[in-house]
Structures are given as structure tokens and as C-alpha cells.
Amino acid sequence: MDSYINNDSRVNIYSLTLEGAKRITDRQTAIEICINMNDDSFKVFNICPNCHKEYSEPPAISRRDNKTYICSNCGTREALYDFINKRA
């Protein structure tokens, strides 16, 4: 979010695209910011920290630290990687 002063009033500039969006690592903080804006046009995008893609399905928890939410594709990829390496 960028801010500037225009004619003695503060104007907040928000991104209209995912590429220019402000990154907030805490999902709850992002939701609270959107709620406080009182504008239904804002959306919280879930971005996978592994592949950096947006996801909408329920997240998986990374096997690397057992606390980071990742997309289900990366969760499956981690599980398969571990499975294959244990068999070898």
C-alpha cells in the first residue's frame, strides 16, 4: 500500500493486481486489514512459499518444518519426494 498527500487529504493506493500487491506473511493480519477497510472488493490471496503460485484449495502443511502452509501440489510433491527417498 502506498500513501501520498493530495490536496490536504491522505490517499491510499492499493494494487489492483496480484503482482503489485503488498505481501503480508501473516494471514490473520491480512484478513484484519481487509475487514478494517470496509470494502468488499479486497481479497486475501493465498500464495505458496515454495512455488509462489496462488492457491484456493485447503492448504497442506510443509513436511520441512511442520508449520508452514503450502499449496496441495507442493504438499504432494514433498510427500512423494520423501517416499521415494526412503525406498532408495
PDB file of N, CA and C in Angstrom:
ATOM      1  N   MET A   1       0.846  -1.157   0.000  1.00  0.00           N
ATOM      2  CA  MET A   1       0.000   0.000   0.000  1.00  0.00           C
ATOM      3  C   MET A   1       0.898   1.228   0.000  1.00  0.00           C
ATOM      4  N   ASP A   2       0.663   2.124  -0.907  1.00  0.00           N
ATOM      5  CA  ASP A   2       1.389   3.379  -0.965  1.00  0.00           C
ATOM      6  C   ASP A   2       0.465   4.495  -0.518  1.00  0.00           C
ATOM      7  N   SER A   3       1.032   5.535   0.065  1.00  0.00           N
ATOM      8  CA  SER A   3       0.242   6.674   0.501  1.00  0.00           C
ATOM      9  C   SER A   3       0.898   7.946   0.002  1.00  0.00           C
ATOM     10  N   TYR A   4       0.107   8.940  -0.297  1.00  0.00           N
ATOM     11  CA  TYR A   4       0.636  10.251  -0.607  1.00  0.00           C
ATOM     12  C   TYR A   4      -0.400  11.286  -0.224  1.00  0.00           C
ATOM     13  N   ILE A   5       0.069  12.524  -0.057  1.00  0.00           N
ATOM     14  CA  ILE A   5      -0.826  13.616   0.320  1.00  0.00           C
ATOM     15  C   ILE A   5      -1.272  14.329  -0.953  1.00  0.00           C
ATOM     16  N   ASN A   6      -2.556  14.527  -1.093  1.00  0.00           N
ATOM     17  CA  ASN A   6      -3.115  15.202  -2.260  1.00  0.00           C
ATOM     18  C   ASN A   6      -4.193  16.168  -1.782  1.00  0.00           C
ATOM     19  N   ASN A   7      -3.967  17.475  -1.955  1.00  0.00           N
ATOM     20  CA  ASN A   7      -4.938  18.496  -1.559  1.00  0.00           C
ATOM     21  C   ASN A   7      -5.335  18.351  -0.084  1.00  0.00           C
ATOM     22  N   ASP A   8      -4.335  18.250   0.782  1.00  0.00           N
ATOM     23  CA  ASP A   8      -4.556  18.172   2.227  1.00  0.00           C
ATOM     24  C   ASP A   8      -5.331  16.942   2.674  1.00  0.00           C
ATOM     25  N   SER A   9      -5.385  15.903   1.905  1.00  0.00           N
ATOM     26  CA  SER A   9      -6.039  14.663   2.341  1.00  0.00           C
ATOM     27  C   SER A   9      -5.131  13.489   1.993  1.00  0.00           C
ATOM     28  N   ARG A  10      -5.105  12.509   2.862  1.00  0.00           N
ATOM     29  CA  ARG A  10      -4.272  11.327   2.619  1.00  0.00           C
ATOM     30  C   ARG A  10      -5.020  10.379   1.690  1.00  0.00           C
ATOM     31  N   VAL A  11      -4.307   9.917   0.666  1.00  0.00           N
ATOM     32  CA  VAL A  11      -4.881   8.992  -0.305  1.00  0.00           C
ATOM     33  C   VAL A  11      -4.073   7.715  -0.256  1.00  0.00           C
ATOM     34  N   ASN A  12      -4.738   6.603  -0.056  1.00  0.00           N
ATOM     35  CA  ASN A  12      -4.068   5.309  -0.049  1.00  0.00           C
ATOM     36  C   ASN A  12      -4.214   4.662  -1.416  1.00  0.00           C
ATOM     37  N   ILE A  13      -3.124   4.126  -1.933  1.00  0.00           N
ATOM     38  CA  ILE A  13      -3.132   3.459  -3.228  1.00  0.00           C
ATOM     39  C   ILE A  13      -2.955   1.963  -2.983  1.00  0.00           C
ATOM     40  N   TYR A  14      -3.864   1.176  -3.477  1.00  0.00           N
ATOM     41  CA  TYR A  14      -3.805  -0.281  -3.334  1.00  0.00           C
ATOM     42  C   TYR A  14      -3.624  -0.888  -4.713  1.00  0.00           C
ATOM     43  N   SER A  15      -2.990  -2.030  -4.774  1.00  0.00           N
ATOM     44  CA  SER A  15      -2.747  -2.698  -6.040  1.00  0.00           C
ATOM     45  C   SER A  15      -4.017  -3.364  -6.543  1.00  0.00           C
ATOM     46  N   LEU A  16      -4.216  -3.282  -7.828  1.00  0.00           N
ATOM     47  CA  LEU A  16      -5.350  -3.958  -8.452  1.00  0.00           C
ATOM     48  C   LEU A  16      -4.956  -5.314  -9.023  1.00  0.00           C
ATOM     49  N   THR A  17      -3.674  -5.645  -8.962  1.00  0.00           N
ATOM     50  CA  THR A  17      -3.199  -6.919  -9.487  1.00  0.00           C
ATOM     51  C   THR A  17      -2.401  -7.653  -8.421  1.00  0.00           C
ATOM     52  N   LEU A  18      -2.268  -8.943  -8.586  1.00  0.00           N
ATOM     53  CA  LEU A  18      -1.502  -9.753  -7.648  1.00  0.00           C
ATOM     54  C   LEU A  18      -0.023  -9.375  -7.682  1.00  0.00           C
ATOM     55  N   GLU A  19       0.498  -9.021  -8.856  1.00  0.00           N
ATOM     56  CA  GLU A  19       1.912  -8.709  -8.995  1.00  0.00           C
ATOM     57  C   GLU A  19       2.308  -7.476  -8.178  1.00  0.00           C
ATOM     58  N   GLY A  20       1.411  -6.499  -8.066  1.00  0.00           N
ATOM     59  CA  GLY A  20       1.741  -5.289  -7.338  1.00  0.00           C
ATOM     60  C   GLY A  20       1.226  -5.264  -5.921  1.00  0.00           C
ATOM     61  N   ALA A  21       0.685  -6.374  -5.445  1.00  0.00           N
ATOM     62  CA  ALA A  21       0.065  -6.413  -4.113  1.00  0.00           C
ATOM     63  C   ALA A  21       1.115  -6.361  -3.014  1.00  0.00           C
ATOM     64  N   LYS A  22       0.713  -5.855  -1.869  1.00  0.00           N
ATOM     65  CA  LYS A  22       1.586  -5.832  -0.699  1.00  0.00           C
ATOM     66  C   LYS A  22       1.618  -7.230  -0.102  1.00  0.00           C
ATOM     67  N   ARG A  23       2.794  -7.705   0.211  1.00  0.00           N
ATOM     68  CA  ARG A  23       2.938  -9.049   0.762  1.00  0.00           C
ATOM     69  C   ARG A  23       2.896  -9.001   2.283  1.00  0.00           C
ATOM     70  N   ILE A  24       1.987  -9.742   2.864  1.00  0.00           N
ATOM     71  CA  ILE A  24       1.878  -9.861   4.316  1.00  0.00           C
ATOM     72  C   ILE A  24       2.002 -11.341   4.633  1.00  0.00           C
ATOM     73  N   THR A  25       2.963 -11.688   5.458  1.00  0.00           N
ATOM     74  CA  THR A  25       3.224 -13.105   5.700  1.00  0.00           C
ATOM     75  C   THR A  25       2.248 -13.734   6.668  1.00  0.00           C
ATOM     76  N   ASP A  26       1.580 -12.932   7.489  1.00  0.00           N
ATOM     77  CA  ASP A  26       0.633 -13.454   8.462  1.00  0.00           C
ATOM     78  C   ASP A  26      -0.785 -13.347   7.902  1.00  0.00           C
ATOM     79  N   ARG A  27      -1.422 -14.468   7.637  1.00  0.00           N
ATOM     80  CA  ARG A  27      -2.759 -14.487   7.029  1.00  0.00           C
ATOM     81  C   ARG A  27      -3.784 -13.747   7.890  1.00  0.00           C
ATOM     82  N   GLN A  28      -3.736 -13.936   9.199  1.00  0.00           N
ATOM     83  CA  GLN A  28      -4.710 -13.284  10.075  1.00  0.00           C
ATOM     84  C   GLN A  28      -4.580 -11.771  10.009  1.00  0.00           C
ATOM     85  N   THR A  29      -3.365 -11.266   9.947  1.00  0.00           N
ATOM     86  CA  THR A  29      -3.154  -9.824   9.815  1.00  0.00           C
ATOM     87  C   THR A  29      -3.738  -9.314   8.506  1.00  0.00           C
ATOM     88  N   ALA A  30      -3.545 -10.054   7.424  1.00  0.00           N
ATOM     89  CA  ALA A  30      -4.084  -9.653   6.125  1.00  0.00           C
ATOM     90  C   ALA A  30      -5.608  -9.605   6.156  1.00  0.00           C
ATOM     91  N   ILE A  31      -6.223 -10.587   6.781  1.00  0.00           N
ATOM     92  CA  ILE A  31      -7.685 -10.617   6.878  1.00  0.00           C
ATOM     93  C   ILE A  31      -8.183  -9.430   7.697  1.00  0.00           C
ATOM     94  N   GLU A  32      -7.513  -9.128   8.808  1.00  0.00           N
ATOM     95  CA  GLU A  32      -7.922  -7.998   9.642  1.00  0.00           C
ATOM     96  C   GLU A  32      -7.795  -6.675   8.889  1.00  0.00           C
ATOM     97  N   ILE A  33      -6.745  -6.520   8.092  1.00  0.00           N
ATOM     98  CA  ILE A  33      -6.577  -5.295   7.299  1.00  0.00           C
ATOM     99  C   ILE A  33      -7.729  -5.162   6.313  1.00  0.00           C
ATOM    100  N   CYS A  34      -8.084  -6.248   5.648  1.00  0.00           N
ATOM    101  CA  CYS A  34      -9.185  -6.205   4.676  1.00  0.00           C
ATOM    102  C   CYS A  34     -10.518  -5.902   5.356  1.00  0.00           C
ATOM    103  N   ILE A  35     -10.760  -6.480   6.509  1.00  0.00           N
ATOM    104  CA  ILE A  35     -12.011  -6.234   7.235  1.00  0.00           C
ATOM    105  C   ILE A  35     -12.106  -4.771   7.655  1.00  0.00           C
ATOM    106  N   ASN A  36     -11.000  -4.216   8.121  1.00  0.00           N
ATOM    107  CA  ASN A  36     -10.993  -2.829   8.580  1.00  0.00           C
ATOM    108  C   ASN A  36     -11.163  -1.826   7.452  1.00  0.00           C
ATOM    109  N   MET A  37     -10.953  -2.232   6.213  1.00  0.00           N
ATOM    110  CA  MET A  37     -11.120  -1.325   5.084  1.00  0.00           C
ATOM    111  C   MET A  37     -12.587  -1.117   4.734  1.00  0.00           C
ATOM    112  N   ASN A  38     -13.456  -1.992   5.205  1.00  0.00           N
ATOM    113  CA  ASN A  38     -14.887  -1.903   4.903  1.00  0.00           C
ATOM    114  C   ASN A  38     -15.157  -1.818   3.406  1.00  0.00           C
ATOM    115  N   ASP A  39     -14.445  -2.622   2.661  1.00  0.00           N
ATOM    116  CA  ASP A  39     -14.614  -2.647   1.214  1.00  0.00           C
ATOM    117  C   ASP A  39     -14.595  -4.107   0.772  1.00  0.00           C
ATOM    118  N   ASP A  40     -15.672  -4.584   0.200  1.00  0.00           N
ATOM    119  CA  ASP A  40     -15.786  -5.992  -0.189  1.00  0.00           C
ATOM    120  C   ASP A  40     -14.960  -6.362  -1.413  1.00  0.00           C
ATOM    121  N   SER A  41     -14.348  -5.385  -2.072  1.00  0.00           N
ATOM    122  CA  SER A  41     -13.597  -5.682  -3.285  1.00  0.00           C
ATOM    123  C   SER A  41     -12.187  -6.193  -2.989  1.00  0.00           C
ATOM    124  N   PHE A  42     -11.754  -6.184  -1.709  1.00  0.00           N
ATOM    125  CA  PHE A  42     -10.429  -6.664  -1.369  1.00  0.00           C
ATOM    126  C   PHE A  42     -10.465  -8.153  -1.107  1.00  0.00           C
ATOM    127  N   LYS A  43      -9.379  -8.828  -1.462  1.00  0.00           N
ATOM    128  CA  LYS A  43      -9.292 -10.271  -1.306  1.00  0.00           C
ATOM    129  C   LYS A  43      -7.920 -10.637  -0.768  1.00  0.00           C
ATOM    130  N   VAL A  44      -7.875 -11.629   0.084  1.00  0.00           N
ATOM    131  CA  VAL A  44      -6.609 -12.174   0.566  1.00  0.00           C
ATOM    132  C   VAL A  44      -6.242 -13.324  -0.356  1.00  0.00           C
ATOM    133  N   PHE A  45      -5.068 -13.236  -0.979  1.00  0.00           N
ATOM    134  CA  PHE A  45      -4.586 -14.287  -1.864  1.00  0.00           C
ATOM    135  C   PHE A  45      -3.667 -15.202  -1.070  1.00  0.00           C
ATOM    136  N   ASN A  46      -3.910 -16.494  -1.149  1.00  0.00           N
ATOM    137  CA  ASN A  46      -3.012 -17.477  -0.539  1.00  0.00           C
ATOM    138  C   ASN A  46      -1.913 -17.781  -1.544  1.00  0.00           C
ATOM    139  N   ILE A  47      -0.673 -17.490  -1.175  1.00  0.00           N
ATOM    140  CA  ILE A  47       0.473 -17.712  -2.051  1.00  0.00           C
ATOM    141  C   ILE A  47       1.368 -18.762  -1.411  1.00  0.00           C
ATOM    142  N   CYS A  48       1.666 -19.795  -2.163  1.00  0.00           N
ATOM    143  CA  CYS A  48       2.532 -20.864  -1.669  1.00  0.00           C
ATOM    144  C   CYS A  48       3.973 -20.346  -1.594  1.00  0.00           C
ATOM    145  N   PRO A  49       4.640 -20.490  -0.435  1.00  0.00           N
ATOM    146  CA  PRO A  49       6.021 -20.017  -0.320  1.00  0.00           C
ATOM    147  C   PRO A  49       7.016 -20.868  -1.116  1.00  0.00           C
ATOM    148  N   ASN A  50       6.611 -22.069  -1.536  1.00  0.00           N
ATOM    149  CA  ASN A  50       7.512 -22.925  -2.316  1.00  0.00           C
ATOM    150  C   ASN A  50       7.475 -22.590  -3.806  1.00  0.00           C
ATOM    151  N   CYS A  51       6.287 -22.590  -4.389  1.00  0.00           N
ATOM    152  CA  CYS A  51       6.166 -22.384  -5.837  1.00  0.00           C
ATOM    153  C   CYS A  51       5.739 -20.961  -6.201  1.00  0.00           C
ATOM    154  N   HIS A  52       5.367 -20.166  -5.208  1.00  0.00           N
ATOM    155  CA  HIS A  52       4.964 -18.767  -5.370  1.00  0.00           C
ATOM    156  C   HIS A  52       3.728 -18.598  -6.250  1.00  0.00           C
ATOM    157  N   LYS A  53       2.859 -19.601  -6.247  1.00  0.00           N
ATOM    158  CA  LYS A  53       1.606 -19.519  -7.004  1.00  0.00           C
ATOM    159  C   LYS A  53       0.435 -19.375  -6.053  1.00  0.00           C
ATOM    160  N   GLU A  54      -0.635 -18.745  -6.549  1.00  0.00           N
ATOM    161  CA  GLU A  54      -1.843 -18.603  -5.752  1.00  0.00           C
ATOM    162  C   GLU A  54      -2.567 -19.946  -5.696  1.00  0.00           C
ATOM    163  N   TYR A  55      -3.176 -20.238  -4.543  1.00  0.00           N
ATOM    164  CA  TYR A  55      -3.984 -21.443  -4.423  1.00  0.00           C
ATOM    165  C   TYR A  55      -5.259 -21.117  -3.668  1.00  0.00           C
ATOM    166  N   SER A  56      -6.325 -21.885  -3.978  1.00  0.00           N
ATOM    167  CA  SER A  56      -7.606 -21.645  -3.313  1.00  0.00           C
ATOM    168  C   SER A  56      -8.101 -22.872  -2.551  1.00  0.00           C
ATOM    169  N   GLU A  57      -7.548 -24.030  -2.847  1.00  0.00           N
ATOM    170  CA  GLU A  57      -7.945 -25.251  -2.142  1.00  0.00           C
ATOM    171  C   GLU A  57      -7.345 -25.250  -0.737  1.00  0.00           C
ATOM    172  N   PRO A  58      -7.837 -26.103   0.149  1.00  0.00           N
ATOM    173  CA  PRO A  58      -7.270 -26.153   1.503  1.00  0.00           C
ATOM    174  C   PRO A  58      -5.766 -26.428   1.448  1.00  0.00           C
ATOM    175  N   PRO A  59      -4.985 -25.750   2.292  1.00  0.00           N
ATOM    176  CA  PRO A  59      -3.529 -25.905   2.225  1.00  0.00           C
ATOM    177  C   PRO A  59      -3.039 -27.199   2.867  1.00  0.00           C
ATOM    178  N   ALA A  60      -1.817 -27.532   2.534  1.00  0.00           N
ATOM    179  CA  ALA A  60      -1.107 -28.629   3.188  1.00  0.00           C
ATOM    180  C   ALA A  60      -0.115 -27.988   4.157  1.00  0.00           C
ATOM    181  N   ILE A  61       0.394 -28.770   5.085  1.00  0.00           N
ATOM    182  CA  ILE A  61       1.433 -28.282   5.983  1.00  0.00           C
ATOM    183  C   ILE A  61       2.753 -28.894   5.531  1.00  0.00           C
ATOM    184  N   SER A  62       3.753 -28.043   5.377  1.00  0.00           N
ATOM    185  CA  SER A  62       5.046 -28.493   4.877  1.00  0.00           C
ATOM    186  C   SER A  62       5.660 -29.536   5.797  1.00  0.00           C
ATOM    187  N   ARG A  63       6.245 -30.553   5.212  1.00  0.00           N
ATOM    188  CA  ARG A  63       6.949 -31.578   5.980  1.00  0.00           C
ATOM    189  C   ARG A  63       8.313 -31.075   6.448  1.00  0.00           C
ATOM    190  N   ARG A  64       8.761 -29.966   5.905  1.00  0.00           N
ATOM    191  CA  ARG A  64      10.087 -29.443   6.245  1.00  0.00           C
ATOM    192  C   ARG A  64      10.115 -28.823   7.641  1.00  0.00           C
ATOM    193  N   ASP A  65       9.028 -28.143   8.050  1.00  0.00           N
ATOM    194  CA  ASP A  65       9.027 -27.535   9.381  1.00  0.00           C
ATOM    195  C   ASP A  65       7.740 -27.807  10.165  1.00  0.00           C
ATOM    196  N   ASN A  66       6.802 -28.513   9.573  1.00  0.00           N
ATOM    197  CA  ASN A  66       5.530 -28.886  10.198  1.00  0.00           C
ATOM    198  C   ASN A  66       4.703 -27.705  10.703  1.00  0.00           C
ATOM    199  N   LYS A  67       4.843 -26.526  10.072  1.00  0.00           N
ATOM    200  CA  LYS A  67       4.016 -25.385  10.458  1.00  0.00           C
ATOM    201  C   LYS A  67       3.690 -24.454   9.293  1.00  0.00           C
ATOM    202  N   THR A  68       4.454 -24.494   8.211  1.00  0.00           N
ATOM    203  CA  THR A  68       4.229 -23.603   7.076  1.00  0.00           C
ATOM    204  C   THR A  68       3.138 -24.149   6.170  1.00  0.00           C
ATOM    205  N   TYR A  69       2.155 -23.299   5.838  1.00  0.00           N
ATOM    206  CA  TYR A  69       1.107 -23.705   4.907  1.00  0.00           C
ATOM    207  C   TYR A  69       1.625 -23.573   3.479  1.00  0.00           C
ATOM    208  N   ILE A  70       1.424 -24.627   2.706  1.00  0.00           N
ATOM    209  CA  ILE A  70       1.824 -24.650   1.302  1.00  0.00           C
ATOM    210  C   ILE A  70       0.643 -25.159   0.481  1.00  0.00           C
ATOM    211  N   CYS A  71       0.721 -25.005  -0.835  1.00  0.00           N
ATOM    212  CA  CYS A  71      -0.374 -25.488  -1.681  1.00  0.00           C
ATOM    213  C   CYS A  71      -0.382 -27.019  -1.683  1.00  0.00           C
ATOM    214  N   SER A  72      -1.505 -27.586  -2.061  1.00  0.00           N
ATOM    215  CA  SER A  72      -1.621 -29.054  -2.025  1.00  0.00           C
ATOM    216  C   SER A  72      -0.681 -29.715  -3.027  1.00  0.00           C
ATOM    217  N   ASN A  73      -0.395 -29.060  -4.150  1.00  0.00           N
ATOM    218  CA  ASN A  73       0.546 -29.636  -5.119  1.00  0.00           C
ATOM    219  C   ASN A  73       1.943 -29.765  -4.518  1.00  0.00           C
ATOM    220  N   CYS A  74       2.399 -28.722  -3.828  1.00  0.00           N
ATOM    221  CA  CYS A  74       3.715 -28.793  -3.192  1.00  0.00           C
ATOM    222  C   CYS A  74       3.709 -29.785  -2.028  1.00  0.00           C
ATOM    223  N   GLY A  75       2.586 -29.891  -1.316  1.00  0.00           N
ATOM    224  CA  GLY A  75       2.468 -30.883  -0.254  1.00  0.00           C
ATOM    225  C   GLY A  75       2.596 -32.292  -0.802  1.00  0.00           C
ATOM    226  N   THR A  76       1.945 -32.558  -1.921  1.00  0.00           N
ATOM    227  CA  THR A  76       2.046 -33.864  -2.578  1.00  0.00           C
ATOM    228  C   THR A  76       3.474 -34.101  -3.063  1.00  0.00           C
ATOM    229  N   ARG A  77       4.089 -33.054  -3.614  1.00  0.00           N
ATOM    230  CA  ARG A  77       5.458 -33.171  -4.106  1.00  0.00           C
ATOM    231  C   ARG A  77       6.413 -33.513  -2.959  1.00  0.00           C
ATOM    232  N   GLU A  78       6.268 -32.861  -1.816  1.00  0.00           N
ATOM    233  CA  GLU A  78       7.118 -33.164  -0.661  1.00  0.00           C
ATOM    234  C   GLU A  78       6.905 -34.597  -0.178  1.00  0.00           C
ATOM    235  N   ALA A  79       5.654 -35.043  -0.136  1.00  0.00           N
ATOM    236  CA  ALA A  79       5.354 -36.400   0.327  1.00  0.00           C
ATOM    237  C   ALA A  79       5.954 -37.442  -0.621  1.00  0.00           C
ATOM    238  N   LEU A  80       5.802 -37.221  -1.922  1.00  0.00           N
ATOM    239  CA  LEU A  80       6.368 -38.164  -2.900  1.00  0.00           C
ATOM    240  C   LEU A  80       7.890 -38.173  -2.828  1.00  0.00           C
ATOM    241  N   TYR A  81       8.493 -37.010  -2.681  1.00  0.00           N
ATOM    242  CA  TYR A  81       9.947 -36.929  -2.572  1.00  0.00           C
ATOM    243  C   TYR A  81      10.436 -37.743  -1.362  1.00  0.00           C
ATOM    244  N   ASP A  82       9.776 -37.539  -0.212  1.00  0.00           N
ATOM    245  CA  ASP A  82      10.158 -38.295   0.984  1.00  0.00           C
ATOM    246  C   ASP A  82       9.950 -39.795   0.798  1.00  0.00           C
ATOM    247  N   PHE A  83       8.837 -40.167   0.175  1.00  0.00           N
ATOM    248  CA  PHE A  83       8.528 -41.579  -0.045  1.00  0.00           C
ATOM    249  C   PHE A  83       9.582 -42.235  -0.955  1.00  0.00           C
ATOM    250  N   ILE A  84       9.933 -41.559  -2.036  1.00  0.00           N
ATOM    251  CA  ILE A  84      10.902 -42.113  -2.979  1.00  0.00           C
ATOM    252  C   ILE A  84      12.288 -42.219  -2.325  1.00  0.00           C
ATOM    253  N   ASN A  85      12.665 -41.210  -1.556  1.00  0.00           N
ATOM    254  CA  ASN A  85      13.993 -41.236  -0.921  1.00  0.00           C
ATOM    255  C   ASN A  85      14.096 -42.283   0.183  1.00  0.00           C
ATOM    256  N   LYS A  86      13.003 -42.616   0.843  1.00  0.00           N
ATOM    257  CA  LYS A  86      13.025 -43.649   1.884  1.00  0.00           C
ATOM    258  C   LYS A  86      13.100 -45.052   1.277  1.00  0.00           C
ATOM    259  N   ARG A  87      12.586 -45.203   0.060  1.00  0.00           N
ATOM    260  CA  ARG A  87      12.614 -46.514  -0.592  1.00  0.00           C
ATOM    261  C   ARG A  87      13.978 -46.809  -1.193  1.00  0.00           C
ATOM    262  N   ALA A  88      14.727 -45.769  -1.506  1.00  0.00           N
ATOM    263  CA  ALA A  88      16.024 -45.955  -2.192  1.00  0.00           C
ATOM    264  C   ALA A  88      17.119 -46.386  -1.254  1.00  0.00           C
TER     265      ALA A  88
END
